[in-house]
Protein backbone atom coordinates (compact mmCIF):
# COMPACT_ATOMS: atom_id res chain seq x y z
CA UNK A 1 7.86 -45.70 -8.46
CA UNK A 2 9.99 -43.36 -6.36
CA UNK A 3 11.69 -40.68 -8.61
CA UNK A 4 14.71 -38.81 -6.93
CA UNK A 5 16.26 -35.56 -8.53
CA UNK A 6 20.01 -36.13 -9.57
CA UNK A 7 20.85 -32.73 -7.82
CA UNK A 8 19.47 -34.22 -4.51
CA UNK A 9 21.64 -37.48 -4.84
CA UNK A 10 24.86 -35.40 -5.39
CA UNK A 11 24.06 -33.31 -2.37
CA UNK A 12 23.32 -36.27 -0.52
CA UNK A 13 26.48 -38.10 -1.55
CA UNK A 14 28.67 -34.99 -0.47
CA UNK A 15 26.96 -34.84 3.10
CA UNK A 16 27.59 -38.57 3.49
CA UNK A 17 31.33 -38.40 2.31
CA UNK A 18 31.95 -35.43 4.76
CA UNK A 19 30.05 -37.30 7.74
CA UNK A 20 32.08 -40.31 7.55
CA UNK A 21 35.29 -38.24 7.00
CA UNK A 22 34.39 -36.57 10.48
CA UNK A 23 33.60 -40.22 11.84
CA UNK A 24 29.94 -39.26 12.70
CA UNK A 25 27.02 -41.34 12.52
CA UNK A 26 23.97 -40.33 11.00
CA UNK A 27 22.57 -39.82 14.38
CA UNK A 28 25.43 -37.61 15.62
CA UNK A 29 24.71 -35.35 12.41
CA UNK A 30 21.08 -35.23 12.97
CA UNK A 31 21.47 -34.12 16.71
CA UNK A 32 24.18 -31.49 15.75
CA UNK A 33 22.08 -30.10 12.98
CA UNK A 34 18.94 -30.20 14.72
CA UNK A 35 16.86 -32.51 12.94
CA UNK A 36 15.99 -36.44 12.67
CA UNK A 37 18.33 -39.25 11.80
CA UNK A 38 15.63 -40.38 9.25
CA UNK A 39 15.86 -37.13 7.45
CA UNK A 40 19.71 -37.39 7.37
CA UNK A 41 19.37 -41.10 5.97
CA UNK A 42 16.86 -39.97 3.30
CA UNK A 43 18.73 -36.80 2.43
CA UNK A 44 21.93 -38.88 1.89
CA UNK A 45 19.95 -41.23 -0.36
CA UNK A 46 18.69 -38.43 -2.37
CA UNK A 47 14.93 -39.02 -1.51
CA UNK A 48 14.35 -35.52 -0.14
CA UNK A 49 15.38 -31.89 -1.01
CA UNK A 50 17.72 -30.03 1.60
CA UNK A 51 16.36 -26.46 1.89
CA UNK A 52 18.53 -23.58 2.76
CA UNK A 53 17.97 -23.72 6.47
CA UNK A 54 18.89 -27.23 6.86
CA UNK A 55 21.77 -26.93 4.58
CA UNK A 56 23.33 -23.99 6.58
CA UNK A 57 22.77 -26.40 9.95
CA UNK A 58 24.34 -29.30 8.55
CA UNK A 59 27.37 -27.35 7.04
CA UNK A 60 27.84 -25.79 10.51
CA UNK A 61 27.65 -29.40 12.13
CA UNK A 62 30.22 -30.42 9.78
CA UNK A 63 32.34 -27.83 10.51
CA UNK A 64 32.53 -26.75 6.76
CA UNK A 65 34.37 -23.48 6.63
CA UNK A 66 32.55 -20.66 4.79
CA UNK A 67 33.28 -20.92 1.11
CA UNK A 68 31.65 -20.22 -2.21
CA UNK A 69 28.28 -22.28 -2.51
CA UNK A 70 28.61 -25.37 -4.99
CA UNK A 71 26.45 -25.38 -8.04
CA UNK A 72 23.85 -27.59 -6.38
CA UNK A 73 23.72 -25.56 -3.08
CA UNK A 74 23.35 -22.44 -5.22
CA UNK A 75 20.46 -24.33 -6.94
CA UNK A 76 18.75 -24.79 -3.52
CA UNK A 77 19.04 -21.22 -2.56
CA UNK A 78 18.13 -19.69 -5.91
CA UNK A 79 15.12 -21.77 -6.12
CA UNK A 80 14.04 -20.71 -2.61
CA UNK A 81 14.58 -17.16 -3.25
CA UNK A 82 12.42 -16.94 -6.14
CA UNK A 83 9.69 -18.68 -4.40
CA UNK A 84 10.15 -15.93 -1.72
CA UNK A 85 9.89 -13.35 -4.63
CA UNK A 86 6.41 -14.74 -5.51
CA UNK A 87 5.30 -14.77 -1.85
CA UNK A 88 6.32 -10.93 -1.58
CA UNK A 89 4.57 -10.16 -4.96
CA UNK A 90 1.37 -11.69 -3.90
CA UNK A 91 1.59 -10.28 -0.48
CA UNK A 92 1.50 -13.55 1.36
CA UNK A 93 3.07 -11.79 4.28
CA UNK A 94 3.24 -14.63 6.91
CA UNK A 95 4.56 -17.09 4.33
CA UNK A 96 7.18 -14.43 3.29
CA UNK A 97 8.33 -13.92 6.85
CA UNK A 98 8.91 -17.47 7.59
CA UNK A 99 10.75 -17.82 4.16
CA UNK A 100 13.02 -14.78 5.20
CA UNK A 101 14.14 -16.59 8.30
CA UNK A 102 15.16 -19.80 6.34
CA UNK A 103 17.05 -17.40 3.89
CA UNK A 104 18.73 -15.24 6.30
CA UNK A 105 21.83 -17.51 6.25
CA UNK A 106 22.71 -15.96 2.87
CA UNK A 107 24.01 -12.95 4.77
CA UNK A 108 26.57 -14.97 6.44
CA UNK A 109 27.97 -16.31 3.23
CA UNK A 110 30.41 -13.74 2.11
CA UNK A 111 31.10 -15.14 -1.30
CA UNK A 112 27.60 -15.29 -2.28
CA UNK A 113 27.19 -11.53 -2.80
CA UNK A 114 24.74 -11.84 -5.54
CA UNK A 115 22.31 -13.83 -3.74
CA UNK A 116 22.81 -11.27 -0.79
CA UNK A 117 21.73 -8.16 -2.92
CA UNK A 118 18.62 -10.17 -3.99
CA UNK A 119 18.12 -11.15 -0.32
CA UNK A 120 18.54 -7.57 0.99
CA UNK A 121 16.08 -5.90 -1.74
CA UNK A 122 13.28 -8.83 -1.18
CA UNK A 123 13.75 -8.16 2.61
CA UNK A 124 13.40 -4.19 2.04
CA UNK A 125 10.19 -4.77 0.05
CA UNK A 126 8.88 -7.04 2.58
CA UNK A 127 9.52 -4.57 5.44
CA UNK A 128 8.04 -1.71 3.46
CA UNK A 129 4.85 -3.82 3.12
CA UNK A 130 4.68 -4.05 6.62
CA UNK A 131 5.24 -0.21 7.21
CA UNK A 132 8.57 -0.99 8.98
CA UNK A 133 11.75 0.91 8.42
CA UNK A 134 14.23 -1.15 6.06
CA UNK A 135 17.25 0.41 7.78
CA UNK A 136 20.53 0.27 6.21
CA UNK A 137 19.63 -2.53 3.76
CA UNK A 138 19.64 -0.40 0.56
CA UNK A 139 23.00 1.18 1.42
CA UNK A 140 24.51 -2.30 2.29
CA UNK A 141 23.29 -3.57 -1.26
CA UNK A 142 24.75 -0.39 -2.80
CA UNK A 143 28.21 -1.26 -1.30
CA UNK A 144 28.14 -4.76 -2.43
CA UNK A 145 27.27 -3.66 -6.02
CA UNK A 146 29.78 -0.96 -5.88
CA UNK A 147 32.44 -3.53 -5.28
CA UNK A 148 31.04 -6.36 -7.50
CA UNK A 149 28.34 -4.66 -9.86
CA UNK A 150 30.27 -5.60 -13.03
CA UNK A 151 29.59 -9.24 -12.40
CA UNK A 152 26.10 -8.96 -10.77
CA UNK A 153 23.19 -10.94 -12.35
CA UNK A 154 20.66 -9.22 -14.15
CA UNK A 155 18.12 -10.32 -11.54
CA UNK A 156 20.02 -8.64 -8.75
CA UNK A 157 20.39 -5.39 -10.51
CA UNK A 158 16.44 -5.30 -11.46
CA UNK A 159 15.64 -5.83 -7.96
CA UNK A 160 17.85 -3.06 -6.47
CA UNK A 161 16.62 -0.71 -9.11
CA UNK A 162 12.90 -1.67 -8.55
CA UNK A 163 13.29 -1.37 -4.87
CA UNK A 164 14.97 1.74 -5.04
CA UNK A 165 12.30 3.48 -7.24
CA UNK A 166 9.72 2.28 -4.77
CA UNK A 167 11.63 3.98 -1.94
CA UNK A 168 12.20 6.99 -3.95
CA UNK A 169 8.80 7.58 -5.20
CA UNK A 170 7.41 7.04 -1.31
CA UNK A 171 10.00 9.83 -0.40
CA UNK A 172 8.78 12.07 -3.51
CA UNK A 173 12.29 12.23 -5.17
CA UNK A 174 10.50 11.60 -8.56
CA UNK A 175 13.45 12.43 -10.85
CA UNK A 176 15.75 10.07 -9.10
CA UNK A 177 12.98 7.43 -8.89
CA UNK A 178 12.53 7.99 -12.85
CA UNK A 179 16.08 7.02 -13.47
CA UNK A 180 15.89 3.89 -11.20
CA UNK A 181 12.65 2.85 -12.72
CA UNK A 182 14.13 3.10 -16.27
CA UNK A 183 16.96 0.94 -15.20
CA UNK A 184 14.77 -1.43 -13.61
CA UNK A 185 12.99 -1.80 -16.64
CA UNK A 186 15.69 -2.33 -18.90
CA UNK A 187 17.10 -5.17 -16.54
CA UNK A 188 13.60 -6.54 -16.41
CA UNK A 189 13.64 -6.90 -20.35
CA UNK A 190 17.04 -8.50 -20.26
CA UNK A 191 16.14 -11.17 -17.76
CA UNK A 192 15.21 -14.65 -19.09
CA UNK A 193 13.13 -15.33 -15.91
CA UNK A 194 11.43 -12.27 -15.03
CA UNK A 195 8.03 -11.17 -16.50
CA UNK A 196 7.20 -7.43 -17.26
CA UNK A 197 6.44 -5.57 -13.76
CA UNK A 198 3.49 -3.69 -13.00
CA UNK A 199 4.84 -2.39 -10.16
CA UNK A 200 7.99 -0.84 -12.00
CA UNK A 201 5.54 0.44 -14.79
CA UNK A 202 3.47 1.99 -12.28
CA UNK A 203 6.32 3.56 -10.48
CA UNK A 204 7.65 5.00 -13.72
CA UNK A 205 4.13 6.46 -14.47
CA UNK A 206 3.87 7.87 -11.02
CA UNK A 207 7.17 9.51 -11.45
CA UNK A 208 6.00 10.99 -14.89
CA UNK A 209 2.92 12.42 -13.53
CA UNK A 210 4.45 14.17 -10.70
CA UNK A 211 7.28 15.42 -12.96
CA UNK A 212 4.73 17.12 -15.21
CA UNK A 213 4.64 14.74 -18.03
CA UNK A 214 1.28 13.32 -18.22
CA UNK A 215 1.51 11.77 -21.59
CA UNK A 216 4.50 9.80 -20.62
CA UNK A 217 2.54 8.74 -17.59
CA UNK A 218 -0.43 7.55 -19.34
CA UNK A 219 1.75 5.45 -21.63
CA UNK A 220 3.31 3.74 -18.58
CA UNK A 221 -0.01 3.27 -17.03
CA UNK A 222 -1.37 1.53 -19.88
CA UNK A 223 1.79 -0.81 -19.75
CA UNK A 224 1.28 -1.30 -16.07
CA UNK A 225 -2.35 -2.51 -16.75
CA UNK A 226 -1.18 -5.05 -19.46
CA UNK A 227 1.52 -6.30 -16.96
CA UNK A 228 -1.02 -6.27 -14.17
CA UNK A 229 -3.20 -9.03 -16.35
CA UNK A 230 -0.47 -11.51 -15.40
CA UNK A 231 -0.82 -11.00 -11.74
CA UNK A 232 -4.64 -11.39 -10.69
CA UNK A 233 -3.63 -12.45 -7.09
CA UNK A 234 -2.14 -9.14 -6.24
CA UNK A 235 -3.69 -6.72 -8.68
CA UNK A 236 -2.53 -3.11 -8.88
CA UNK A 237 -5.32 -2.58 -11.36
CA UNK A 238 -7.65 -0.47 -9.08
CA UNK A 239 -4.76 2.05 -8.19
CA UNK A 240 -3.49 2.14 -11.61
CA UNK A 241 -6.98 3.14 -13.01
CA UNK A 242 -7.39 5.90 -10.30
CA UNK A 243 -4.00 7.10 -11.52
CA UNK A 244 -5.28 7.14 -14.96
CA UNK A 245 -8.26 9.25 -13.88
CA UNK A 246 -5.87 11.72 -12.56
CA UNK A 247 -3.89 11.77 -15.90
CA UNK A 248 -7.11 12.07 -17.89
CA UNK A 249 -8.35 15.04 -15.72
CA UNK A 250 -4.91 16.81 -16.36
CA UNK A 251 -5.09 16.22 -20.00
CA UNK A 252 -8.53 17.84 -20.10
CA UNK A 253 -10.33 14.28 -20.95
CA UNK A 254 -12.78 14.85 -18.30
CA UNK A 255 -15.49 12.41 -19.39
CA UNK A 256 -13.14 9.46 -19.36
CA UNK A 257 -11.85 10.67 -16.01
CA UNK A 258 -15.48 10.66 -14.63
CA UNK A 259 -16.20 7.31 -16.09
CA UNK A 260 -13.52 5.87 -13.95
CA UNK A 261 -14.47 7.65 -10.66
CA UNK A 262 -18.14 6.63 -11.13
CA UNK A 263 -16.80 3.10 -11.28
CA UNK A 264 -14.88 3.52 -8.16
CA UNK A 265 -18.03 5.23 -6.32
CA UNK A 266 -20.28 2.37 -7.42
CA UNK A 267 -17.71 -0.22 -6.33
CA UNK A 268 -17.30 1.34 -2.83
CA UNK A 269 -21.02 1.64 -2.62
CA UNK A 270 -21.28 -2.18 -3.26
CA UNK A 271 -19.09 -3.08 -0.30
CA UNK A 272 -20.75 -0.52 1.95
CA UNK A 273 -17.46 0.70 3.21
CA UNK A 274 -17.90 4.24 4.55
CA UNK A 275 -14.39 5.33 4.42
CA UNK A 276 -14.18 3.98 0.89
CA UNK A 277 -17.41 5.70 -0.13
CA UNK A 278 -15.93 8.79 1.32
CA UNK A 279 -13.07 8.95 -0.67
CA UNK A 280 -14.79 8.07 -3.79
CA UNK A 281 -17.41 10.61 -3.24
CA UNK A 282 -14.44 13.13 -2.84
CA UNK A 283 -13.06 12.07 -6.17
CA UNK A 284 -16.09 12.00 -8.13
CA UNK A 285 -16.88 15.61 -6.53
CA UNK A 286 -13.54 17.06 -7.86
CA UNK A 287 -14.25 16.13 -11.38
CA UNK A 288 -17.62 17.60 -11.44
CA UNK A 289 -16.02 20.66 -10.13
CA UNK A 290 -13.58 20.44 -13.28
CA UNK A 291 -16.66 19.87 -15.32
CA UNK A 292 -18.16 23.15 -13.99
CA UNK A 293 -20.94 21.58 -11.81
CA UNK A 294 -20.15 23.50 -8.73
CA UNK A 295 -23.40 22.57 -6.91
CA UNK A 296 -23.09 18.79 -7.42
CA UNK A 297 -19.55 19.00 -6.60
CA UNK A 298 -20.15 20.55 -3.31
CA UNK A 299 -23.03 18.11 -2.52
CA UNK A 300 -20.53 15.19 -3.32
CA UNK A 301 -17.50 16.66 -1.13
CA UNK A 302 -19.71 17.32 1.88
CA UNK A 303 -21.04 13.81 1.66
CA UNK A 304 -17.42 12.59 1.39
CA UNK A 305 -16.60 14.52 4.62
CA UNK A 306 -19.66 12.81 6.19
CA UNK A 307 -18.73 9.36 5.20
CA UNK A 308 -15.01 9.58 6.09
CA UNK A 309 -15.82 11.15 9.44
CA UNK A 310 -18.43 8.29 10.24
CA UNK A 311 -15.87 5.60 8.98
CA UNK A 312 -13.35 6.90 11.38
CA UNK A 313 -10.22 6.78 9.14
CA UNK A 314 -7.87 6.96 11.96
CA UNK A 315 -9.03 10.33 12.82
CA UNK A 316 -9.72 12.18 9.75
CA UNK A 317 -6.20 13.70 9.76
CA UNK A 318 -5.15 16.96 9.15
CA UNK A 319 -3.94 16.52 5.64
CA UNK A 320 -7.38 15.06 4.72
CA UNK A 321 -9.24 17.84 6.38
CA UNK A 322 -7.03 20.31 4.38
CA UNK A 323 -7.83 18.47 1.11
CA UNK A 324 -11.30 18.66 1.70
CA UNK A 325 -11.51 22.16 2.79
CA UNK A 326 -9.53 23.31 -0.21
CA UNK A 327 -11.94 21.57 -2.62
CA UNK A 328 -14.86 23.20 -0.70
CA UNK A 329 -13.31 26.59 -1.36
CA UNK A 330 -12.97 26.00 -5.06
CA UNK A 331 -16.85 24.94 -5.16
CA UNK A 332 -17.88 28.07 -3.43
CA UNK A 333 -15.83 30.36 -5.67
CA UNK A 334 -17.55 28.83 -8.60
CA UNK A 335 -20.96 29.46 -7.17
CA UNK A 336 -19.65 33.04 -6.06
CA UNK A 337 -20.73 32.53 -2.52
CA UNK A 338 -17.58 34.59 -1.63
CA UNK A 339 -18.53 35.42 2.07
CA UNK A 340 -18.64 31.62 2.99
CA UNK A 341 -15.52 31.22 0.90
CA UNK A 342 -13.62 33.94 2.84
CA UNK A 343 -14.71 32.57 6.20
CA UNK A 344 -13.25 28.99 5.27
CA UNK A 345 -10.10 30.47 4.02
CA UNK A 346 -9.48 32.54 7.17
CA UNK A 347 -10.16 29.46 9.48
CA UNK A 348 -8.16 27.43 7.35
CA UNK A 349 -5.17 29.64 7.34
CA UNK A 350 -5.28 29.91 11.05
CA UNK A 351 -5.13 26.14 11.12
CA UNK A 352 -2.41 25.99 8.49
CA UNK A 353 -0.25 28.32 10.20
CA UNK A 354 -0.65 26.67 13.44
CA UNK A 355 0.48 23.46 11.84
CA UNK A 356 3.29 25.51 9.84
CA UNK A 357 1.92 23.85 6.61
CA UNK A 358 3.46 25.94 3.97
CA UNK A 359 1.84 24.21 1.10
CA UNK A 360 -1.80 24.84 2.53
CA UNK A 361 -0.92 28.47 3.34
CA UNK A 362 0.07 29.16 0.08
CA UNK A 363 -2.93 27.27 -1.46
CA UNK A 364 -5.38 29.32 0.63
CA UNK A 365 -3.55 32.64 0.03
CA UNK A 366 -3.73 31.83 -3.71
CA UNK A 367 -7.17 31.44 -3.68
CA UNK A 368 -7.76 34.50 -1.92
CA UNK A 369 -5.61 36.39 -4.25
CA UNK A 370 -7.48 34.79 -7.23
CA UNK A 371 -10.69 36.17 -5.68
CA UNK A 372 -9.07 39.84 -5.41
CA UNK A 373 -6.92 39.72 -8.44
CA UNK A 374 -7.60 43.48 -9.35
CA UNK A 375 -5.36 44.04 -6.50
CA UNK A 376 -1.60 44.39 -7.55
CA UNK A 377 -0.65 42.86 -4.13
CA UNK A 378 -2.57 39.96 -5.40
CA UNK A 379 -1.12 39.86 -8.68
CA UNK A 380 2.34 40.11 -7.14
CA UNK A 381 1.74 37.13 -4.81
CA UNK A 382 0.49 34.82 -7.72
CA UNK A 383 3.38 35.57 -9.71
CA UNK A 384 6.46 35.66 -7.56
CA UNK A 385 5.21 33.34 -4.65
CA UNK A 386 2.39 30.86 -6.11
CA UNK A 387 3.84 30.12 -9.42
CA UNK A 388 7.47 29.65 -8.49
CA UNK A 389 6.36 27.34 -5.49
CA UNK A 390 3.99 25.14 -7.54
CA UNK A 391 6.38 24.77 -10.48
CA UNK A 392 9.14 23.45 -8.18
CA UNK A 393 6.79 21.25 -6.04
CA UNK A 394 7.22 17.69 -6.24
CA UNK A 395 3.53 17.16 -6.37
CA UNK A 396 0.73 17.43 -9.24
CA UNK A 397 0.39 21.09 -8.04
CA UNK A 398 2.36 21.80 -11.09
CA UNK A 399 -0.76 21.20 -13.18
CA UNK A 400 -2.59 24.19 -11.10
CA UNK A 401 0.23 26.62 -12.36
CA UNK A 402 -1.44 26.61 -16.08
CA UNK A 403 -4.67 27.61 -14.64
CA UNK A 404 -3.29 30.30 -12.68
CA UNK A 405 -1.25 31.82 -15.64
CA UNK A 406 -4.25 31.49 -17.90
CA UNK A 407 -6.23 33.41 -15.42
CA UNK A 408 -3.58 36.21 -15.11
CA UNK A 409 -3.28 36.15 -18.98
CA UNK A 410 -6.80 36.91 -19.50
CA UNK A 411 -7.02 39.43 -16.69
CA UNK A 412 -3.96 41.58 -18.01
CA UNK A 413 -5.08 41.26 -21.70
CA UNK A 414 -8.38 42.67 -20.52
CA UNK A 415 -6.72 45.43 -18.77
CA UNK A 416 -4.35 46.20 -21.57
CA UNK A 417 -1.24 45.09 -19.77
CA UNK A 418 0.30 43.20 -22.96
CA UNK A 419 3.72 42.84 -21.49
CA UNK A 420 2.25 41.10 -18.40
CA UNK A 421 0.01 39.02 -20.59
CA UNK A 422 2.80 38.07 -22.71
CA UNK A 423 5.05 37.15 -19.73
CA UNK A 424 2.32 34.51 -18.60
CA UNK A 425 2.04 33.27 -21.99
CA UNK A 426 5.64 32.49 -21.76
CA UNK A 427 5.58 30.90 -18.33
CA UNK A 428 2.51 28.45 -19.80
CA UNK A 429 4.85 27.82 -22.74
CA UNK A 430 7.79 26.93 -20.73
CA UNK A 431 5.60 24.56 -18.53
CA UNK A 432 4.02 22.77 -21.57
CA UNK A 433 7.51 22.36 -23.19
CA UNK A 434 8.78 20.54 -19.94
CA UNK A 435 5.57 18.36 -19.93
CA UNK A 436 6.16 17.17 -23.55
CA UNK A 437 10.02 17.10 -23.45
CA UNK A 438 10.83 16.72 -19.83
CA UNK A 439 13.30 19.79 -20.14
CA UNK A 440 13.13 23.54 -19.96
CA UNK A 441 12.87 25.68 -23.16
CA UNK A 442 16.53 26.73 -24.13
CA UNK A 443 16.65 30.01 -25.90
CA UNK A 444 19.47 31.48 -28.04
CA UNK A 445 20.41 34.74 -26.72
CA UNK A 446 20.74 36.30 -30.18
CA UNK A 447 17.18 35.34 -31.22
CA UNK A 448 15.63 37.30 -28.38
């Protein structure tokens, strides 16, 4: 038995009435719309669905003026746009590109602004996945929401804030990313059709991590893992686990972090991907260094450099070279091989200054100052250059501040500079307060 959908019959009947009103045959309409007369015949009888592309072509052929979509037409587009959403979520890029072309007509329907926001955000996500510039799509969506936002659907608002969060995390604007991420989470929870988003939770965790709030980051990373179990087709699990390893390292839970890095290392070796092995060896080396195993750490970091070079990671770029060099310096410092350490620092400073890389210059100067901490100039550099720069950094460098403060505090205590030691303790307290509560310490002037 041939079952037909009542909504298909309603759309078909409307097309038939409009065609006859225009005194067009099915063949005339088929020719004008670029489809077969058999399709038009079956469409009018409600035997086939009318997808968005054909619907737009038929409306154009019938010279129907632009107007709000009917409930049935809206259902066609809404159904398609969530199929597209699933294609993008599961990274079926070729399918999503084809579907985008079918849905692009939405932008030519001025009354359907809610669908336009959804389309623009999905298109932005698709372009970002292809490493392409999304252009002014976010700005266009913002303009639409500014005018119609009070009546926007929960799903449109969710997609806007979720996409905005992804873009801001990529740009290192973590405070704004966190605000949009929290709004995306709220709209996700309010929606009756959306499931918990691993991507949103991951972006919120990343923002908290870079803002110096590791406990919040850990909570959201766990939520991300739970949500990720519902999306086995394009799992964020490995990335989330590596983020958790970084969080555990910061929180001093080194054994837990090491287990994750070892899993990554063994997984990389099992697929024999030299670049992947290199990164895994580097991560494992860094945790060994944190655990005080400098000799093993140096061995792994040297191995990482060899694997990455052999794997040909688009040329072992300058940033990666700097990261490896900086961690070698840390290893050599722990091993008290100061002459080798100084040589790498000096060579690194020449390169960093040529590249005008402020972060690497300050990092290498900081290491040099830690080796010459008895020199008042080194102390001054650490207090007035390194600590403010690291605290204001949009990166996990903020966590290094605590180690530097602790080193200076111990040094000042040993040398009976109690006021300076107390000042370093205060800086550490302020940083920890921000990590726990997300805001600076407010001190009443009367209590000082």
